[in-house]
Structure formats: C-alpha cells, structure tokens
C-alpha cells in the first residue's frame, strides 16, 4: 500500500515541477503516473550502473557530475514517455533536482510503519 501511495505522490511531485518550471510539461495525471513509474524504474535499474561507470568523473568533479547524470536520466524519461516533455538539458537538470526535493518532501509525510508495506 505504501508503494502505491509513494507512486501517486511522485506523480504529484512531477506535476508540481511542471508548475514551477514552464519548460517541463506533462499532459495530464495519467502521463504523470506513467512518468513517475518510468523514472522509478530508471532510478532503480539504470542509475546504479551508470553511477558506478562514471565514478571516476564524479570523483574528479567532486560530485557535480552526479547532477548531470540525474538530468540525463530525467531527459531520457521524457524521451520515452509521450505527454512528458522537457525542453532542454538545463531544464532536465534543474527539473530533476526539483523533482527529487519535492518527492522527498512528500514521501516524508508518509509514516514508515513496519506493517504498512
């Protein structure tokens, strides 16, 4: 149940990002749900592999490259999902940061009880 609620809250976070950044557009709540699902899969499956592969660059840039990686994955999700558009790379990086902060804040509102999942 908690996973379903987190998925919905991530879609709400994505919709909030569209209101804060006009260069990111989502056509509706259904597209936001699909985008949140795809972003979750990308963050679970693709990001760890890329984080390990780009570890030397990330260390050389003192972690700044990780923001670039987040932006690229956010941009990738927009390329895969119809109804979710990101205007450019800068918008993707800033949108990924905002999405992460808003999703984290919304998920902090849900109690983490042992029997809830």
PDB file of N, CA and C in Angstrom:
ATOM      1  N   UNK A   1       0.827  -1.196   0.000  1.00  0.00           N
ATOM      2  CA  UNK A   1       0.000   0.000   0.000  1.00  0.00           C
ATOM      3  C   UNK A   1       0.871   1.259   0.000  1.00  0.00           C
ATOM      4  N   UNK A   2       1.966   1.202   0.770  1.00  0.00           N
ATOM      5  CA  UNK A   2       2.857   2.365   0.845  1.00  0.00           C
ATOM      6  C   UNK A   2       3.494   2.647  -0.512  1.00  0.00           C
ATOM      7  N   UNK A   3       3.835   1.589  -1.249  1.00  0.00           N
ATOM      8  CA  UNK A   3       4.454   1.750  -2.565  1.00  0.00           C
ATOM      9  C   UNK A   3       3.498   2.448  -3.526  1.00  0.00           C
ATOM     10  N   UNK A   4       2.236   2.071  -3.497  1.00  0.00           N
ATOM     11  CA  UNK A   4       1.231   2.706  -4.351  1.00  0.00           C
ATOM     12  C   UNK A   4       1.073   4.183  -3.991  1.00  0.00           C
ATOM     13  N   UNK A   5       1.051   4.480  -2.716  1.00  0.00           N
ATOM     14  CA  UNK A   5       0.940   5.867  -2.267  1.00  0.00           C
ATOM     15  C   UNK A   5       2.167   6.683  -2.667  1.00  0.00           C
ATOM     16  N   UNK A   6       3.360   6.085  -2.564  1.00  0.00           N
ATOM     17  CA  UNK A   6       4.576   6.778  -2.998  1.00  0.00           C
ATOM     18  C   UNK A   6       4.568   7.046  -4.496  1.00  0.00           C
ATOM     19  N   UNK A   7       4.050   6.097  -5.272  1.00  0.00           N
ATOM     20  CA  UNK A   7       3.954   6.272  -6.713  1.00  0.00           C
ATOM     21  C   UNK A   7       3.040   7.458  -7.049  1.00  0.00           C
ATOM     22  N   UNK A   8       1.915   7.543  -6.389  1.00  0.00           N
ATOM     23  CA  UNK A   8       0.987   8.652  -6.619  1.00  0.00           C
ATOM     24  C   UNK A   8       1.614   9.975  -6.182  1.00  0.00           C
ATOM     25  N   UNK A   9       2.307   9.975  -5.050  1.00  0.00           N
ATOM     26  CA  UNK A   9       2.961  11.198  -4.582  1.00  0.00           C
ATOM     27  C   UNK A   9       4.090  11.631  -5.517  1.00  0.00           C
ATOM     28  N   UNK A  10       4.789  10.682  -6.121  1.00  0.00           N
ATOM     29  CA  UNK A  10       5.810  11.036  -7.101  1.00  0.00           C
ATOM     30  C   UNK A  10       5.189  11.652  -8.344  1.00  0.00           C
ATOM     31  N   UNK A  11       4.023  11.168  -8.746  1.00  0.00           N
ATOM     32  CA  UNK A  11       3.313  11.782  -9.873  1.00  0.00           C
ATOM     33  C   UNK A  11       2.876  13.208  -9.513  1.00  0.00           C
ATOM     34  N   UNK A  12       2.428  13.402  -8.287  1.00  0.00           N
ATOM     35  CA  UNK A  12       2.053  14.746  -7.829  1.00  0.00           C
ATOM     36  C   UNK A  12       3.284  15.651  -7.807  1.00  0.00           C
ATOM     37  N   UNK A  13       4.421  15.102  -7.382  1.00  0.00           N
ATOM     38  CA  UNK A  13       5.664  15.886  -7.382  1.00  0.00           C
ATOM     39  C   UNK A  13       6.046  16.299  -8.797  1.00  0.00           C
ATOM     40  N   UNK A  14       5.854  15.406  -9.751  1.00  0.00           N
ATOM     41  CA  UNK A  14       6.153  15.743 -11.142  1.00  0.00           C
ATOM     42  C   UNK A  14       5.222  16.831 -11.656  1.00  0.00           C
ATOM     43  N   UNK A  15       3.967  16.761 -11.279  1.00  0.00           N
ATOM     44  CA  UNK A  15       3.026  17.825 -11.664  1.00  0.00           C
ATOM     45  C   UNK A  15       3.405  19.149 -11.015  1.00  0.00           C
ATOM     46  N   UNK A  16       3.905  19.106  -9.782  1.00  0.00           N
ATOM     47  CA  UNK A  16       4.344  20.337  -9.117  1.00  0.00           C
ATOM     48  C   UNK A  16       5.536  20.948  -9.838  1.00  0.00           C
ATOM     49  N   UNK A  17       6.431  20.101 -10.338  1.00  0.00           N
ATOM     50  CA  UNK A  17       7.587  20.603 -11.092  1.00  0.00           C
ATOM     51  C   UNK A  17       7.130  21.318 -12.348  1.00  0.00           C
ATOM     52  N   UNK A  18       6.071  20.812 -12.988  1.00  0.00           N
ATOM     53  CA  UNK A  18       5.580  21.466 -14.210  1.00  0.00           C
ATOM     54  C   UNK A  18       5.019  22.852 -13.923  1.00  0.00           C
ATOM     55  N   UNK A  19       4.490  23.051 -12.730  1.00  0.00           N
ATOM     56  CA  UNK A  19       4.004  24.385 -12.373  1.00  0.00           C
ATOM     57  C   UNK A  19       5.143  25.334 -12.049  1.00  0.00           C
ATOM     58  N   UNK A  20       6.246  24.810 -11.534  1.00  0.00           N
ATOM     59  CA  UNK A  20       7.387  25.652 -11.170  1.00  0.00           C
ATOM     60  C   UNK A  20       8.301  25.939 -12.356  1.00  0.00           C
ATOM     61  N   UNK A  21       8.386  25.005 -13.288  1.00  0.00           N
ATOM     62  CA  UNK A  21       9.235  25.175 -14.469  1.00  0.00           C
ATOM     63  C   UNK A  21       8.384  25.060 -15.732  1.00  0.00           C
ATOM     64  N   UNK A  22       8.168  26.151 -16.430  1.00  0.00           N
ATOM     65  CA  UNK A  22       7.335  26.078 -17.635  1.00  0.00           C
ATOM     66  C   UNK A  22       7.995  25.303 -18.775  1.00  0.00           C
ATOM     67  N   UNK A  23       9.294  25.042 -18.702  1.00  0.00           N
ATOM     68  CA  UNK A  23       9.968  24.300 -19.761  1.00  0.00           C
ATOM     69  C   UNK A  23       9.767  22.790 -19.628  1.00  0.00           C
ATOM     70  N   UNK A  24       9.113  22.351 -18.565  1.00  0.00           N
ATOM     71  CA  UNK A  24       8.767  20.936 -18.383  1.00  0.00           C
ATOM     72  C   UNK A  24       7.252  20.840 -18.417  1.00  0.00           C
ATOM     73  N   UNK A  25       6.755  19.946 -19.284  1.00  0.00           N
ATOM     74  CA  UNK A  25       5.309  19.832 -19.463  1.00  0.00           C
ATOM     75  C   UNK A  25       4.860  18.390 -19.325  1.00  0.00           C
ATOM     76  N   UNK A  26       3.736  18.209 -18.652  1.00  0.00           N
ATOM     77  CA  UNK A  26       3.085  16.908 -18.537  1.00  0.00           C
ATOM     78  C   UNK A  26       1.648  17.112 -18.975  1.00  0.00           C
ATOM     79  N   UNK A  27       1.165  16.242 -19.876  1.00  0.00           N
ATOM     80  CA  UNK A  27      -0.154  16.454 -20.460  1.00  0.00           C
ATOM     81  C   UNK A  27      -1.302  16.187 -19.494  1.00  0.00           C
ATOM     82  N   UNK A  28      -1.089  15.382 -18.478  1.00  0.00           N
ATOM     83  CA  UNK A  28      -2.160  15.100 -17.528  1.00  0.00           C
ATOM     84  C   UNK A  28      -1.675  14.188 -16.424  1.00  0.00           C
ATOM     85  N   UNK A  29      -2.613  13.813 -15.545  1.00  0.00           N
ATOM     86  CA  UNK A  29      -2.237  12.986 -14.409  1.00  0.00           C
ATOM     87  C   UNK A  29      -1.836  11.583 -14.836  1.00  0.00           C
ATOM     88  N   UNK A  30      -2.461  11.055 -15.884  1.00  0.00           N
ATOM     89  CA  UNK A  30      -2.089   9.733 -16.392  1.00  0.00           C
ATOM     90  C   UNK A  30      -0.663   9.716 -16.902  1.00  0.00           C
ATOM     91  N   UNK A  31      -0.284  10.750 -17.640  1.00  0.00           N
ATOM     92  CA  UNK A  31       1.097  10.850 -18.120  1.00  0.00           C
ATOM     93  C   UNK A  31       2.056  11.029 -16.949  1.00  0.00           C
ATOM     94  N   UNK A  32       1.628  11.747 -15.915  1.00  0.00           N
ATOM     95  CA  UNK A  32       2.472  11.923 -14.734  1.00  0.00           C
ATOM     96  C   UNK A  32       2.657  10.593 -14.002  1.00  0.00           C
ATOM     97  N   UNK A  33       1.608   9.779 -13.916  1.00  0.00           N
ATOM     98  CA  UNK A  33       1.734   8.461 -13.293  1.00  0.00           C
ATOM     99  C   UNK A  33       2.697   7.576 -14.076  1.00  0.00           C
ATOM    100  N   UNK A  34       2.567   7.592 -15.404  1.00  0.00           N
ATOM    101  CA  UNK A  34       3.463   6.800 -16.237  1.00  0.00           C
ATOM    102  C   UNK A  34       4.898   7.304 -16.123  1.00  0.00           C
ATOM    103  N   UNK A  35       5.070   8.615 -16.106  1.00  0.00           N
ATOM    104  CA  UNK A  35       6.408   9.195 -15.980  1.00  0.00           C
ATOM    105  C   UNK A  35       7.024   8.847 -14.624  1.00  0.00           C
ATOM    106  N   UNK A  36       6.237   8.886 -13.568  1.00  0.00           N
ATOM    107  CA  UNK A  36       6.746   8.529 -12.245  1.00  0.00           C
ATOM    108  C   UNK A  36       7.152   7.061 -12.200  1.00  0.00           C
ATOM    109  N   UNK A  37       6.384   6.207 -12.874  1.00  0.00           N
ATOM    110  CA  UNK A  37       6.723   4.794 -12.928  1.00  0.00           C
ATOM    111  C   UNK A  37       8.023   4.560 -13.697  1.00  0.00           C
ATOM    112  N   UNK A  38       8.152   5.206 -14.854  1.00  0.00           N
ATOM    113  CA  UNK A  38       9.363   5.047 -15.667  1.00  0.00           C
ATOM    114  C   UNK A  38      10.570   5.646 -14.944  1.00  0.00           C
ATOM    115  N   UNK A  39      10.398   6.805 -14.317  1.00  0.00           N
ATOM    116  CA  UNK A  39      11.502   7.388 -13.548  1.00  0.00           C
ATOM    117  C   UNK A  39      11.924   6.474 -12.403  1.00  0.00           C
ATOM    118  N   UNK A  40      10.973   5.822 -11.781  1.00  0.00           N
ATOM    119  CA  UNK A  40      11.297   4.874 -10.723  1.00  0.00           C
ATOM    120  C   UNK A  40      12.108   3.695 -11.247  1.00  0.00           C
ATOM    121  N   UNK A  41      11.700   3.151 -12.396  1.00  0.00           N
ATOM    122  CA  UNK A  41      12.460   2.049 -12.986  1.00  0.00           C
ATOM    123  C   UNK A  41      13.853   2.492 -13.421  1.00  0.00           C
ATOM    124  N   UNK A  42      13.946   3.666 -14.021  1.00  0.00           N
ATOM    125  CA  UNK A  42      15.248   4.181 -14.445  1.00  0.00           C
ATOM    126  C   UNK A  42      16.151   4.396 -13.235  1.00  0.00           C
ATOM    127  N   UNK A  43      15.600   4.977 -12.184  1.00  0.00           N
ATOM    128  CA  UNK A  43      16.400   5.241 -10.985  1.00  0.00           C
ATOM    129  C   UNK A  43      16.797   3.951 -10.265  1.00  0.00           C
ATOM    130  N   UNK A  44      15.997   2.908 -10.410  1.00  0.00           N
ATOM    131  CA  UNK A  44      16.299   1.647  -9.752  1.00  0.00           C
ATOM    132  C   UNK A  44      17.266   0.779 -10.558  1.00  0.00           C
ATOM    133  N   UNK A  45      17.099   0.756 -11.879  1.00  0.00           N
ATOM    134  CA  UNK A  45      17.876  -0.165 -12.701  1.00  0.00           C
ATOM    135  C   UNK A  45      19.061   0.485 -13.417  1.00  0.00           C
ATOM    136  N   UNK A  46      18.871   1.659 -13.988  1.00  0.00           N
ATOM    137  CA  UNK A  46      19.894   2.264 -14.840  1.00  0.00           C
ATOM    138  C   UNK A  46      20.871   3.124 -14.036  1.00  0.00           C
ATOM    139  N   UNK A  47      20.366   3.920 -13.114  1.00  0.00           N
ATOM    140  CA  UNK A  47      21.219   4.857 -12.390  1.00  0.00           C
ATOM    141  C   UNK A  47      22.365   4.181 -11.623  1.00  0.00           C
ATOM    142  N   UNK A  48      22.128   3.073 -10.908  1.00  0.00           N
ATOM    143  CA  UNK A  48      23.268   2.471 -10.190  1.00  0.00           C
ATOM    144  C   UNK A  48      24.396   2.026 -11.127  1.00  0.00           C
ATOM    145  N   UNK A  49      24.035   1.478 -12.276  1.00  0.00           N
ATOM    146  CA  UNK A  49      25.056   1.040 -13.234  1.00  0.00           C
ATOM    147  C   UNK A  49      25.835   2.240 -13.754  1.00  0.00           C
ATOM    148  N   UNK A  50      25.115   3.295 -14.136  1.00  0.00           N
ATOM    149  CA  UNK A  50      25.795   4.491 -14.641  1.00  0.00           C
ATOM    150  C   UNK A  50      26.594   5.194 -13.550  1.00  0.00           C
ATOM    151  N   UNK A  51      26.117   5.145 -12.329  1.00  0.00           N
ATOM    152  CA  UNK A  51      26.855   5.776 -11.230  1.00  0.00           C
ATOM    153  C   UNK A  51      28.193   5.074 -11.011  1.00  0.00           C
ATOM    154  N   UNK A  52      28.202   3.762 -11.129  1.00  0.00           N
ATOM    155  CA  UNK A  52      29.462   3.030 -10.981  1.00  0.00           C
ATOM    156  C   UNK A  52      30.387   3.294 -12.166  1.00  0.00           C
ATOM    157  N   UNK A  53      29.827   3.301 -13.373  1.00  0.00           N
ATOM    158  CA  UNK A  53      30.649   3.533 -14.568  1.00  0.00           C
ATOM    159  C   UNK A  53      31.250   4.934 -14.609  1.00  0.00           C
ATOM    160  N   UNK A  54      30.533   5.901 -14.065  1.00  0.00           N
ATOM    161  CA  UNK A  54      31.006   7.293 -14.100  1.00  0.00           C
ATOM    162  C   UNK A  54      31.624   7.736 -12.784  1.00  0.00           C
ATOM    163  N   UNK A  55      31.930   6.791 -11.927  1.00  0.00           N
ATOM    164  CA  UNK A  55      32.504   7.131 -10.623  1.00  0.00           C
ATOM    165  C   UNK A  55      33.794   7.953 -10.718  1.00  0.00           C
ATOM    166  N   UNK A  56      34.722   7.646 -11.629  1.00  0.00           N
ATOM    167  CA  UNK A  56      35.925   8.489 -11.714  1.00  0.00           C
ATOM    168  C   UNK A  56      35.620   9.947 -12.070  1.00  0.00           C
ATOM    169  N   UNK A  57      34.696  10.158 -12.998  1.00  0.00           N
ATOM    170  CA  UNK A  57      34.323  11.530 -13.376  1.00  0.00           C
ATOM    171  C   UNK A  57      33.625  12.218 -12.206  1.00  0.00           C
ATOM    172  N   UNK A  58      32.777  11.477 -11.505  1.00  0.00           N
ATOM    173  CA  UNK A  58      32.068  12.038 -10.360  1.00  0.00           C
ATOM    174  C   UNK A  58      33.044  12.441  -9.268  1.00  0.00           C
ATOM    175  N   UNK A  59      34.057  11.633  -9.027  1.00  0.00           N
ATOM    176  CA  UNK A  59      35.063  11.978  -8.018  1.00  0.00           C
ATOM    177  C   UNK A  59      35.892  13.181  -8.443  1.00  0.00           C
ATOM    178  N   UNK A  60      36.266  13.235  -9.721  1.00  0.00           N
ATOM    179  CA  UNK A  60      37.048  14.373 -10.210  1.00  0.00           C
ATOM    180  C   UNK A  60      36.285  15.692 -10.128  1.00  0.00           C
ATOM    181  N   UNK A  61      34.974  15.626 -10.325  1.00  0.00           N
ATOM    182  CA  UNK A  61      34.164  16.847 -10.283  1.00  0.00           C
ATOM    183  C   UNK A  61      33.542  17.081  -8.912  1.00  0.00           C
ATOM    184  N   UNK A  62      33.998  16.311  -7.931  1.00  0.00           N
ATOM    185  CA  UNK A  62      33.504  16.427  -6.544  1.00  0.00           C
ATOM    186  C   UNK A  62      31.989  16.242  -6.444  1.00  0.00           C
ATOM    187  N   UNK A  63      31.451  15.343  -7.245  1.00  0.00           N
ATOM    188  CA  UNK A  63      30.035  15.007  -7.181  1.00  0.00           C
ATOM    189  C   UNK A  63      29.132  15.801  -8.087  1.00  0.00           C
ATOM    190  N   UNK A  64      29.644  16.813  -8.750  1.00  0.00           N
ATOM    191  CA  UNK A  64      28.796  17.641  -9.621  1.00  0.00           C
ATOM    192  C   UNK A  64      28.294  16.837 -10.816  1.00  0.00           C
ATOM    193  N   UNK A  65      29.095  15.885 -11.287  1.00  0.00           N
ATOM    194  CA  UNK A  65      28.668  15.086 -12.433  1.00  0.00           C
ATOM    195  C   UNK A  65      27.436  14.256 -12.112  1.00  0.00           C
ATOM    196  N   UNK A  66      27.221  13.947 -10.850  1.00  0.00           N
ATOM    197  CA  UNK A  66      26.023  13.191 -10.465  1.00  0.00           C
ATOM    198  C   UNK A  66      24.752  13.987 -10.793  1.00  0.00           C
ATOM    199  N   UNK A  67      24.812  15.313 -10.680  1.00  0.00           N
ATOM    200  CA  UNK A  67      23.680  16.156 -11.085  1.00  0.00           C
ATOM    201  C   UNK A  67      23.454  16.063 -12.580  1.00  0.00           C
ATOM    202  N   UNK A  68      24.543  16.012 -13.337  1.00  0.00           N
ATOM    203  CA  UNK A  68      24.436  15.852 -14.788  1.00  0.00           C
ATOM    204  C   UNK A  68      23.804  14.503 -15.114  1.00  0.00           C
ATOM    205  N   UNK A  69      24.218  13.467 -14.423  1.00  0.00           N
ATOM    206  CA  UNK A  69      23.652  12.137 -14.625  1.00  0.00           C
ATOM    207  C   UNK A  69      22.155  12.122 -14.313  1.00  0.00           C
ATOM    208  N   UNK A  70      21.754  12.756 -13.227  1.00  0.00           N
ATOM    209  CA  UNK A  70      20.331  12.851 -12.888  1.00  0.00           C
ATOM    210  C   UNK A  70      19.553  13.564 -13.989  1.00  0.00           C
ATOM    211  N   UNK A  71      20.108  14.653 -14.497  1.00  0.00           N
ATOM    212  CA  UNK A  71      19.454  15.386 -15.570  1.00  0.00           C
ATOM    213  C   UNK A  71      19.327  14.559 -16.837  1.00  0.00           C
ATOM    214  N   UNK A  72      20.371  13.821 -17.173  1.00  0.00           N
ATOM    215  CA  UNK A  72      20.318  12.974 -18.367  1.00  0.00           C
ATOM    216  C   UNK A  72      19.259  11.879 -18.242  1.00  0.00           C
ATOM    217  N   UNK A  73      19.144  11.292 -17.073  1.00  0.00           N
ATOM    218  CA  UNK A  73      18.138  10.249 -16.872  1.00  0.00           C
ATOM    219  C   UNK A  73      16.724  10.829 -16.866  1.00  0.00           C
ATOM    220  N   UNK A  74      16.574  12.027 -16.332  1.00  0.00           N
ATOM    221  CA  UNK A  74      15.279  12.712 -16.362  1.00  0.00           C
ATOM    222  C   UNK A  74      14.898  13.022 -17.815  1.00  0.00           C
ATOM    223  N   UNK A  75      15.882  13.466 -18.591  1.00  0.00           N
ATOM    224  CA  UNK A  75      15.674  13.770 -20.008  1.00  0.00           C
ATOM    225  C   UNK A  75      15.357  12.489 -20.783  1.00  0.00           C
ATOM    226  N   UNK A  76      16.017  11.391 -20.445  1.00  0.00           N
ATOM    227  CA  UNK A  76      15.735  10.104 -21.075  1.00  0.00           C
ATOM    228  C   UNK A  76      14.291   9.691 -20.839  1.00  0.00           C
ATOM    229  N   UNK A  77      13.820   9.861 -19.625  1.00  0.00           N
ATOM    230  CA  UNK A  77      12.434   9.507 -19.315  1.00  0.00           C
ATOM    231  C   UNK A  77      11.471  10.338 -20.148  1.00  0.00           C
ATOM    232  N   UNK A  78      11.787  11.611 -20.353  1.00  0.00           N
ATOM    233  CA  UNK A  78      10.896  12.450 -21.165  1.00  0.00           C
ATOM    234  C   UNK A  78      10.915  12.024 -22.624  1.00  0.00           C
ATOM    235  N   UNK A  79      12.020  11.458 -23.084  1.00  0.00           N
ATOM    236  CA  UNK A  79      12.080  10.987 -24.468  1.00  0.00           C
ATOM    237  C   UNK A  79      11.286   9.691 -24.645  1.00  0.00           C
ATOM    238  N   UNK A  80      11.140   8.924 -23.594  1.00  0.00           N
ATOM    239  CA  UNK A  80      10.442   7.642 -23.680  1.00  0.00           C
ATOM    240  C   UNK A  80       8.935   7.744 -23.501  1.00  0.00           C
ATOM    241  N   UNK A  81       8.466   8.808 -22.867  1.00  0.00           N
ATOM    242  CA  UNK A  81       7.060   8.888 -22.474  1.00  0.00           C
ATOM    243  C   UNK A  81       6.341   9.970 -23.280  1.00  0.00           C
ATOM    244  N   UNK A  82       5.315   9.592 -24.019  1.00  0.00           N
ATOM    245  CA  UNK A  82       4.516  10.629 -24.682  1.00  0.00           C
ATOM    246  C   UNK A  82       3.707  11.400 -23.643  1.00  0.00           C
ATOM    247  N   UNK A  83       3.659  12.698 -23.807  1.00  0.00           N
ATOM    248  CA  UNK A  83       2.936  13.537 -22.863  1.00  0.00           C
ATOM    249  C   UNK A  83       3.808  14.097 -21.764  1.00  0.00           C
ATOM    250  N   UNK A  84       5.080  13.754 -21.752  1.00  0.00           N
ATOM    251  CA  UNK A  84       6.044  14.286 -20.786  1.00  0.00           C
ATOM    252  C   UNK A  84       7.194  14.874 -21.584  1.00  0.00           C
ATOM    253  N   UNK A  85       7.302  16.198 -21.580  1.00  0.00           N
ATOM    254  CA  UNK A  85       8.295  16.891 -22.400  1.00  0.00           C
ATOM    255  C   UNK A  85       9.192  17.766 -21.541  1.00  0.00           C
ATOM    256  N   UNK A  86      10.490  17.684 -21.818  1.00  0.00           N
ATOM    257  CA  UNK A  86      11.489  18.544 -21.183  1.00  0.00           C
ATOM    258  C   UNK A  86      12.165  19.305 -22.307  1.00  0.00           C
ATOM    259  N   UNK A  87      12.212  20.628 -22.193  1.00  0.00           N
ATOM    260  CA  UNK A  87      12.678  21.474 -23.293  1.00  0.00           C
ATOM    261  C   UNK A  87      14.162  21.337 -23.583  1.00  0.00           C
ATOM    262  N   UNK A  88      14.989  21.136 -22.595  1.00  0.00           N
ATOM    263  CA  UNK A  88      16.422  21.064 -22.844  1.00  0.00           C
ATOM    264  C   UNK A  88      17.164  20.452 -21.681  1.00  0.00           C
ATOM    265  N   UNK A  89      18.489  20.376 -21.852  1.00  0.00           N
ATOM    266  CA  UNK A  89      19.311  19.730 -20.837  1.00  0.00           C
ATOM    267  C   UNK A  89      19.321  20.508 -19.520  1.00  0.00           C
ATOM    268  N   UNK A  90      19.422  21.818 -19.590  1.00  0.00           N
ATOM    269  CA  UNK A  90      19.406  22.628 -18.369  1.00  0.00           C
ATOM    270  C   UNK A  90      18.101  22.476 -17.615  1.00  0.00           C
ATOM    271  N   UNK A  91      17.012  22.444 -18.348  1.00  0.00           N
ATOM    272  CA  UNK A  91      15.705  22.216 -17.722  1.00  0.00           C
ATOM    273  C   UNK A  91      15.631  20.833 -17.101  1.00  0.00           C
ATOM    274  N   UNK A  92      16.260  19.848 -17.748  1.00  0.00           N
ATOM    275  CA  UNK A  92      16.252  18.488 -17.215  1.00  0.00           C
ATOM    276  C   UNK A  92      17.026  18.409 -15.904  1.00  0.00           C
ATOM    277  N   UNK A  93      18.170  19.063 -15.840  1.00  0.00           N
ATOM    278  CA  UNK A  93      18.971  19.030 -14.606  1.00  0.00           C
ATOM    279  C   UNK A  93      18.218  19.724 -13.478  1.00  0.00           C
ATOM    280  N   UNK A  94      17.716  20.926 -13.746  1.00  0.00           N
ATOM    281  CA  UNK A  94      17.000  21.657 -12.706  1.00  0.00           C
ATOM    282  C   UNK A  94      15.694  20.951 -12.338  1.00  0.00           C
ATOM    283  N   UNK A  95      15.015  20.391 -13.333  1.00  0.00           N
ATOM    284  CA  UNK A  95      13.785  19.651 -13.076  1.00  0.00           C
ATOM    285  C   UNK A  95      14.026  18.402 -12.252  1.00  0.00           C
ATOM    286  N   UNK A  96      15.139  17.706 -12.512  1.00  0.00           N
ATOM    287  CA  UNK A  96      15.461  16.510 -11.735  1.00  0.00           C
ATOM    288  C   UNK A  96      15.740  16.867 -10.284  1.00  0.00           C
ATOM    289  N   UNK A  97      16.417  17.990 -10.077  1.00  0.00           N
ATOM    290  CA  UNK A  97      16.684  18.435  -8.702  1.00  0.00           C
ATOM    291  C   UNK A  97      15.383  18.781  -7.990  1.00  0.00           C
ATOM    292  N   UNK A  98      14.541  19.559  -8.653  1.00  0.00           N
ATOM    293  CA  UNK A  98      13.251  19.937  -8.046  1.00  0.00           C
ATOM    294  C   UNK A  98      12.381  18.708  -7.792  1.00  0.00           C
ATOM    295  N   UNK A  99      12.340  17.815  -8.762  1.00  0.00           N
ATOM    296  CA  UNK A  99      11.542  16.591  -8.616  1.00  0.00           C
ATOM    297  C   UNK A  99      12.029  15.778  -7.413  1.00  0.00           C
ATOM    298  N   UNK A 100      13.317  15.649  -7.271  1.00  0.00           N
ATOM    299  CA  UNK A 100      13.869  14.903  -6.141  1.00  0.00           C
ATOM    300  C   UNK A 100      13.531  15.529  -4.809  1.00  0.00           C
ATOM    301  N   UNK A 101      13.638  16.846  -4.724  1.00  0.00           N
ATOM    302  CA  UNK A 101      13.356  17.543  -3.466  1.00  0.00           C
ATOM    303  C   UNK A 101      11.873  17.455  -3.113  1.00  0.00           C
ATOM    304  N   UNK A 102      11.011  17.692  -4.098  1.00  0.00           N
ATOM    305  CA  UNK A 102       9.568  17.663  -3.839  1.00  0.00           C
ATOM    306  C   UNK A 102       9.110  16.242  -3.505  1.00  0.00           C
ATOM    307  N   UNK A 103       9.609  15.255  -4.254  1.00  0.00           N
ATOM    308  CA  UNK A 103       9.233  13.864  -3.978  1.00  0.00           C
ATOM    309  C   UNK A 103       9.715  13.435  -2.598  1.00  0.00           C
ATOM    310  N   UNK A 104      10.921  13.860  -2.223  1.00  0.00           N
ATOM    311  CA  UNK A 104      11.430  13.529  -0.889  1.00  0.00           C
ATOM    312  C   UNK A 104      10.550  14.164   0.195  1.00  0.00           C
ATOM    313  N   UNK A 105      10.178  15.428   0.004  1.00  0.00           N
ATOM    314  CA  UNK A 105       9.354  16.119   0.998  1.00  0.00           C
ATOM    315  C   UNK A 105       7.983  15.461   1.123  1.00  0.00           C
ATOM    316  N   UNK A 106       7.392  15.090  -0.003  1.00  0.00           N
ATOM    317  CA  UNK A 106       6.084  14.436   0.051  1.00  0.00           C
ATOM    318  C   UNK A 106       6.176  13.045   0.671  1.00  0.00           C
ATOM    319  N   UNK A 107       7.237  12.310   0.371  1.00  0.00           N
ATOM    320  CA  UNK A 107       7.368  10.970   0.941  1.00  0.00           C
ATOM    321  C   UNK A 107       7.652  11.025   2.441  1.00  0.00           C
ATOM    322  N   UNK A 108       8.209  12.126   2.910  1.00  0.00           N
ATOM    323  CA  UNK A 108       8.454  12.270   4.344  1.00  0.00           C
ATOM    324  C   UNK A 108       7.150  12.424   5.123  1.00  0.00           C
ATOM    325  N   UNK A 109       6.074  12.758   4.446  1.00  0.00           N
ATOM    326  CA  UNK A 109       4.779  12.908   5.102  1.00  0.00           C
ATOM    327  C   UNK A 109       4.123  11.564   5.420  1.00  0.00           C
ATOM    328  N   UNK A 110       4.597  10.503   4.769  1.00  0.00           N
ATOM    329  CA  UNK A 110       4.009   9.173   4.972  1.00  0.00           C
ATOM    330  C   UNK A 110       4.753   8.492   6.116  1.00  0.00           C
ATOM    331  N   UNK A 111       4.026   8.003   7.103  1.00  0.00           N
ATOM    332  CA  UNK A 111       4.711   7.293   8.188  1.00  0.00           C
ATOM    333  C   UNK A 111       5.293   5.976   7.678  1.00  0.00           C
ATOM    334  N   UNK A 112       6.434   5.630   8.148  1.00  0.00           N
ATOM    335  CA  UNK A 112       7.116   4.404   7.735  1.00  0.00           C
ATOM    336  C   UNK A 112       6.888   3.322   8.779  1.00  0.00           C
ATOM    337  N   UNK A 113       5.696   2.740   8.752  1.00  0.00           N
ATOM    338  CA  UNK A 113       5.355   1.705   9.710  1.00  0.00           C
ATOM    339  C   UNK A 113       5.743   0.340   9.159  1.00  0.00           C
ATOM    340  N   UNK A 114       6.075  -0.566  10.032  1.00  0.00           N
ATOM    341  CA  UNK A 114       6.575  -1.872   9.614  1.00  0.00           C
ATOM    342  C   UNK A 114       5.517  -2.690   8.880  1.00  0.00           C
ATOM    343  N   UNK A 115       4.305  -2.673   9.297  1.00  0.00           N
ATOM    344  CA  UNK A 115       3.261  -3.480   8.675  1.00  0.00           C
ATOM    345  C   UNK A 115       2.559  -2.811   7.505  1.00  0.00           C
ATOM    346  N   UNK A 116       3.016  -1.632   7.095  1.00  0.00           N
ATOM    347  CA  UNK A 116       2.316  -0.893   6.053  1.00  0.00           C
ATOM    348  C   UNK A 116       2.605  -1.411   4.652  1.00  0.00           C
ATOM    349  N   UNK A 117       3.784  -1.942   4.394  1.00  0.00           N
ATOM    350  CA  UNK A 117       4.131  -2.422   3.055  1.00  0.00           C
ATOM    351  C   UNK A 117       3.760  -3.809   2.869  1.00  0.00           C
TER     352      UNK A 117
END
